Amino acid sequence: MAIRIHIPTPMRQHADGQSTVEVNASTVQGVLAELGAKYPALSQRIFDNGQVRRFVNLYLNDEDIRYLDNLATPVKDGDELAIIPAVAGG
């Protein structure tokens, strides 16, 4: 099942400049594992010690995965996962 991942502009340099990548998986964890297999440097920007970094938000079809089943959230053909880095400033 093809899942489309939206890569944010600051992370595209680690994904060969791609704005979207399609992978096949059955959970958000699987989607990110497939993405990391294709682009290991991108995976390093998303994960820290096996956990999604605090400043990285993941939205499956516009729903924050933290309010679903987090990384265990099932995905289906045609779903879209957006990687959204948090923005902070002062």
N, C-alpha and C. Protein backbone atom coordinates (compact mmCIF):
# COMPACT_ATOMS: atom_id res chain seq x y z
N MET A 1 0.83 -1.18 0.00
CA MET A 1 0.00 0.00 0.00
C MET A 1 0.88 1.24 0.00
N ALA A 2 0.60 2.15 -0.90
CA ALA A 2 1.44 3.34 -1.07
C ALA A 2 0.99 4.45 -0.12
N ILE A 3 1.93 4.90 0.67
CA ILE A 3 1.72 6.00 1.61
C ILE A 3 2.62 7.15 1.16
N ARG A 4 2.05 8.32 1.03
CA ARG A 4 2.82 9.49 0.60
C ARG A 4 3.30 10.26 1.83
N ILE A 5 4.60 10.52 1.87
CA ILE A 5 5.21 11.27 2.97
C ILE A 5 5.60 12.65 2.44
N HIS A 6 5.15 13.67 3.13
CA HIS A 6 5.50 15.05 2.77
C HIS A 6 6.74 15.44 3.56
N ILE A 7 7.80 15.80 2.84
CA ILE A 7 9.08 16.17 3.45
C ILE A 7 9.14 17.69 3.56
N PRO A 8 9.37 18.23 4.77
CA PRO A 8 9.45 19.69 4.91
C PRO A 8 10.71 20.24 4.23
N THR A 9 10.62 21.47 3.80
CA THR A 9 11.72 22.11 3.06
C THR A 9 13.07 21.97 3.75
N PRO A 10 13.19 22.23 5.07
CA PRO A 10 14.51 22.14 5.71
C PRO A 10 15.12 20.73 5.69
N MET A 11 14.29 19.71 5.51
CA MET A 11 14.78 18.32 5.53
C MET A 11 14.98 17.74 4.13
N ARG A 12 14.57 18.46 3.11
CA ARG A 12 14.65 17.92 1.74
C ARG A 12 16.07 17.65 1.29
N GLN A 13 17.03 18.38 1.82
CA GLN A 13 18.43 18.15 1.44
C GLN A 13 18.87 16.74 1.81
N HIS A 14 18.18 16.12 2.78
CA HIS A 14 18.52 14.77 3.21
C HIS A 14 17.69 13.71 2.48
N ALA A 15 16.82 14.17 1.56
CA ALA A 15 15.96 13.26 0.80
C ALA A 15 16.14 13.52 -0.69
N ASP A 16 17.36 13.81 -1.11
CA ASP A 16 17.67 14.09 -2.51
C ASP A 16 16.79 15.18 -3.10
N GLY A 17 16.39 16.14 -2.27
CA GLY A 17 15.60 17.28 -2.73
C GLY A 17 14.12 16.97 -2.96
N GLN A 18 13.69 15.78 -2.62
CA GLN A 18 12.29 15.38 -2.86
C GLN A 18 11.36 16.10 -1.88
N SER A 19 10.19 16.52 -2.38
CA SER A 19 9.17 17.11 -1.50
C SER A 19 8.21 16.04 -1.00
N THR A 20 8.07 14.96 -1.75
CA THR A 20 7.25 13.83 -1.31
C THR A 20 7.96 12.53 -1.67
N VAL A 21 7.71 11.53 -0.84
CA VAL A 21 8.28 10.21 -1.05
C VAL A 21 7.15 9.21 -0.80
N GLU A 22 7.06 8.17 -1.62
CA GLU A 22 6.06 7.14 -1.40
C GLU A 22 6.73 5.86 -0.93
N VAL A 23 6.13 5.25 0.09
CA VAL A 23 6.62 3.98 0.62
C VAL A 23 5.43 3.06 0.86
N ASN A 24 5.72 1.81 1.11
CA ASN A 24 4.70 0.83 1.43
C ASN A 24 4.92 0.33 2.85
N ALA A 25 3.89 0.42 3.68
CA ALA A 25 3.98 -0.05 5.07
C ALA A 25 2.56 -0.15 5.63
N SER A 26 2.46 -0.71 6.84
CA SER A 26 1.13 -0.87 7.44
C SER A 26 0.93 -0.03 8.69
N THR A 27 2.01 0.59 9.21
CA THR A 27 1.90 1.47 10.38
C THR A 27 2.79 2.70 10.15
N VAL A 28 2.58 3.71 10.96
CA VAL A 28 3.43 4.90 10.88
C VAL A 28 4.88 4.51 11.13
N GLN A 29 5.12 3.63 12.10
CA GLN A 29 6.48 3.16 12.38
C GLN A 29 7.09 2.53 11.13
N GLY A 30 6.33 1.70 10.44
CA GLY A 30 6.81 1.06 9.22
C GLY A 30 7.10 2.07 8.12
N VAL A 31 6.24 3.08 8.02
CA VAL A 31 6.45 4.15 7.03
C VAL A 31 7.78 4.83 7.28
N LEU A 32 8.02 5.19 8.55
CA LEU A 32 9.27 5.88 8.89
C LEU A 32 10.48 4.97 8.74
N ALA A 33 10.31 3.69 8.98
CA ALA A 33 11.41 2.74 8.80
C ALA A 33 11.78 2.65 7.32
N GLU A 34 10.77 2.59 6.45
CA GLU A 34 11.02 2.54 5.00
C GLU A 34 11.68 3.84 4.53
N LEU A 35 11.20 4.96 5.05
CA LEU A 35 11.80 6.25 4.71
C LEU A 35 13.26 6.29 5.14
N GLY A 36 13.54 5.80 6.35
CA GLY A 36 14.91 5.77 6.86
C GLY A 36 15.81 4.84 6.08
N ALA A 37 15.24 3.76 5.54
CA ALA A 37 16.03 2.84 4.72
C ALA A 37 16.46 3.53 3.42
N LYS A 38 15.57 4.36 2.87
CA LYS A 38 15.89 5.09 1.64
C LYS A 38 16.82 6.27 1.90
N TYR A 39 16.57 6.96 3.01
CA TYR A 39 17.31 8.19 3.33
C TYR A 39 17.74 8.18 4.79
N PRO A 40 18.85 7.48 5.11
CA PRO A 40 19.29 7.38 6.50
C PRO A 40 19.54 8.73 7.18
N ALA A 41 20.04 9.70 6.46
CA ALA A 41 20.31 11.02 7.06
C ALA A 41 19.01 11.69 7.49
N LEU A 42 17.95 11.45 6.75
CA LEU A 42 16.65 12.01 7.10
C LEU A 42 16.13 11.37 8.39
N SER A 43 16.31 10.08 8.50
CA SER A 43 15.88 9.36 9.70
C SER A 43 16.58 9.91 10.94
N GLN A 44 17.84 10.30 10.81
CA GLN A 44 18.58 10.86 11.93
C GLN A 44 17.99 12.19 12.38
N ARG A 45 17.33 12.91 11.48
CA ARG A 45 16.70 14.20 11.82
C ARG A 45 15.35 14.00 12.50
N ILE A 46 14.75 12.82 12.30
CA ILE A 46 13.43 12.54 12.86
C ILE A 46 13.54 11.86 14.22
N PHE A 47 14.49 10.92 14.34
CA PHE A 47 14.60 10.11 15.56
C PHE A 47 15.83 10.48 16.38
N ASP A 48 15.68 10.31 17.69
CA ASP A 48 16.79 10.44 18.63
C ASP A 48 16.66 9.27 19.60
N ASN A 49 17.63 8.37 19.58
CA ASN A 49 17.60 7.17 20.43
C ASN A 49 16.31 6.36 20.26
N GLY A 50 15.85 6.23 19.02
CA GLY A 50 14.68 5.41 18.72
C GLY A 50 13.34 6.09 18.96
N GLN A 51 13.36 7.31 19.46
CA GLN A 51 12.12 8.06 19.71
C GLN A 51 12.04 9.24 18.75
N VAL A 52 10.82 9.59 18.36
CA VAL A 52 10.64 10.78 17.52
C VAL A 52 11.08 11.99 18.34
N ARG A 53 11.90 12.81 17.72
CA ARG A 53 12.41 14.01 18.42
C ARG A 53 11.25 14.89 18.88
N ARG A 54 11.46 15.57 19.98
CA ARG A 54 10.42 16.43 20.56
C ARG A 54 9.91 17.49 19.59
N PHE A 55 10.80 18.02 18.78
CA PHE A 55 10.43 19.12 17.90
C PHE A 55 9.92 18.67 16.54
N VAL A 56 9.71 17.37 16.37
CA VAL A 56 9.18 16.85 15.11
C VAL A 56 7.75 16.37 15.35
N ASN A 57 6.81 16.91 14.58
CA ASN A 57 5.42 16.52 14.67
C ASN A 57 5.06 15.71 13.43
N LEU A 58 4.27 14.67 13.63
CA LEU A 58 3.85 13.80 12.53
C LEU A 58 2.33 13.82 12.44
N TYR A 59 1.83 14.11 11.25
CA TYR A 59 0.40 14.17 11.01
C TYR A 59 0.02 13.16 9.93
N LEU A 60 -0.90 12.29 10.28
CA LEU A 60 -1.43 11.33 9.32
C LEU A 60 -2.79 11.84 8.88
N ASN A 61 -2.89 12.20 7.61
CA ASN A 61 -4.14 12.76 7.07
C ASN A 61 -4.66 13.90 7.95
N ASP A 62 -3.77 14.82 8.31
CA ASP A 62 -4.09 16.01 9.11
C ASP A 62 -4.42 15.73 10.57
N GLU A 63 -4.17 14.51 11.05
CA GLU A 63 -4.39 14.16 12.46
C GLU A 63 -3.04 13.92 13.12
N ASP A 64 -2.79 14.58 14.24
CA ASP A 64 -1.55 14.40 14.99
C ASP A 64 -1.51 12.95 15.51
N ILE A 65 -0.46 12.22 15.17
CA ILE A 65 -0.40 10.80 15.56
C ILE A 65 -0.35 10.62 17.06
N ARG A 66 0.02 11.66 17.81
CA ARG A 66 0.05 11.55 19.28
C ARG A 66 -1.35 11.33 19.84
N TYR A 67 -2.37 11.75 19.08
CA TYR A 67 -3.76 11.58 19.52
C TYR A 67 -4.40 10.36 18.87
N LEU A 68 -3.63 9.63 18.10
CA LEU A 68 -4.09 8.37 17.52
C LEU A 68 -3.37 7.26 18.29
N ASP A 69 -2.72 6.34 17.60
CA ASP A 69 -1.95 5.29 18.28
C ASP A 69 -0.46 5.51 18.15
N ASN A 70 -0.06 6.80 18.04
CA ASN A 70 1.33 7.19 17.91
C ASN A 70 1.99 6.40 16.77
N LEU A 71 3.16 5.83 16.98
CA LEU A 71 3.86 5.14 15.90
C LEU A 71 3.17 3.85 15.48
N ALA A 72 2.31 3.32 16.32
CA ALA A 72 1.58 2.08 16.00
C ALA A 72 0.31 2.36 15.18
N THR A 73 0.06 3.61 14.85
CA THR A 73 -1.13 3.96 14.07
C THR A 73 -1.11 3.24 12.73
N PRO A 74 -2.17 2.51 12.40
CA PRO A 74 -2.21 1.83 11.11
C PRO A 74 -2.39 2.83 9.97
N VAL A 75 -1.83 2.50 8.82
CA VAL A 75 -1.98 3.32 7.62
C VAL A 75 -2.56 2.45 6.51
N LYS A 76 -3.19 3.12 5.56
CA LYS A 76 -3.76 2.39 4.43
C LYS A 76 -3.38 3.08 3.13
N ASP A 77 -3.58 2.38 2.05
CA ASP A 77 -3.25 2.89 0.73
C ASP A 77 -3.88 4.27 0.52
N GLY A 78 -3.06 5.22 0.09
CA GLY A 78 -3.54 6.57 -0.17
C GLY A 78 -3.40 7.54 0.98
N ASP A 79 -3.01 7.04 2.17
CA ASP A 79 -2.81 7.93 3.30
C ASP A 79 -1.61 8.85 3.05
N GLU A 80 -1.61 9.98 3.76
CA GLU A 80 -0.51 10.93 3.66
C GLU A 80 0.02 11.25 5.05
N LEU A 81 1.33 11.17 5.18
CA LEU A 81 2.01 11.48 6.44
C LEU A 81 2.84 12.74 6.22
N ALA A 82 2.57 13.74 7.05
CA ALA A 82 3.33 15.00 6.96
C ALA A 82 4.29 15.08 8.13
N ILE A 83 5.54 15.41 7.82
CA ILE A 83 6.55 15.65 8.85
C ILE A 83 6.63 17.15 9.03
N ILE A 84 6.34 17.61 10.22
CA ILE A 84 6.29 19.05 10.49
C ILE A 84 7.26 19.39 11.63
N PRO A 85 8.39 20.02 11.31
CA PRO A 85 9.29 20.43 12.39
C PRO A 85 8.70 21.63 13.13
N ALA A 86 8.79 21.59 14.45
CA ALA A 86 8.28 22.70 15.26
C ALA A 86 9.16 23.92 15.03
N VAL A 87 8.54 25.08 15.08
CA VAL A 87 9.25 26.34 14.89
C VAL A 87 9.18 27.10 16.20
N ALA A 88 10.33 27.56 16.67
CA ALA A 88 10.36 28.35 17.91
C ALA A 88 11.26 29.55 17.70
N GLY A 89 11.05 30.51 18.46
CA GLY A 89 11.90 31.70 18.34
C GLY A 89 11.60 32.65 19.47
N GLY A 90 12.31 33.70 19.48
CA GLY A 90 12.09 34.64 20.57
C GLY A 90 12.37 36.04 20.11
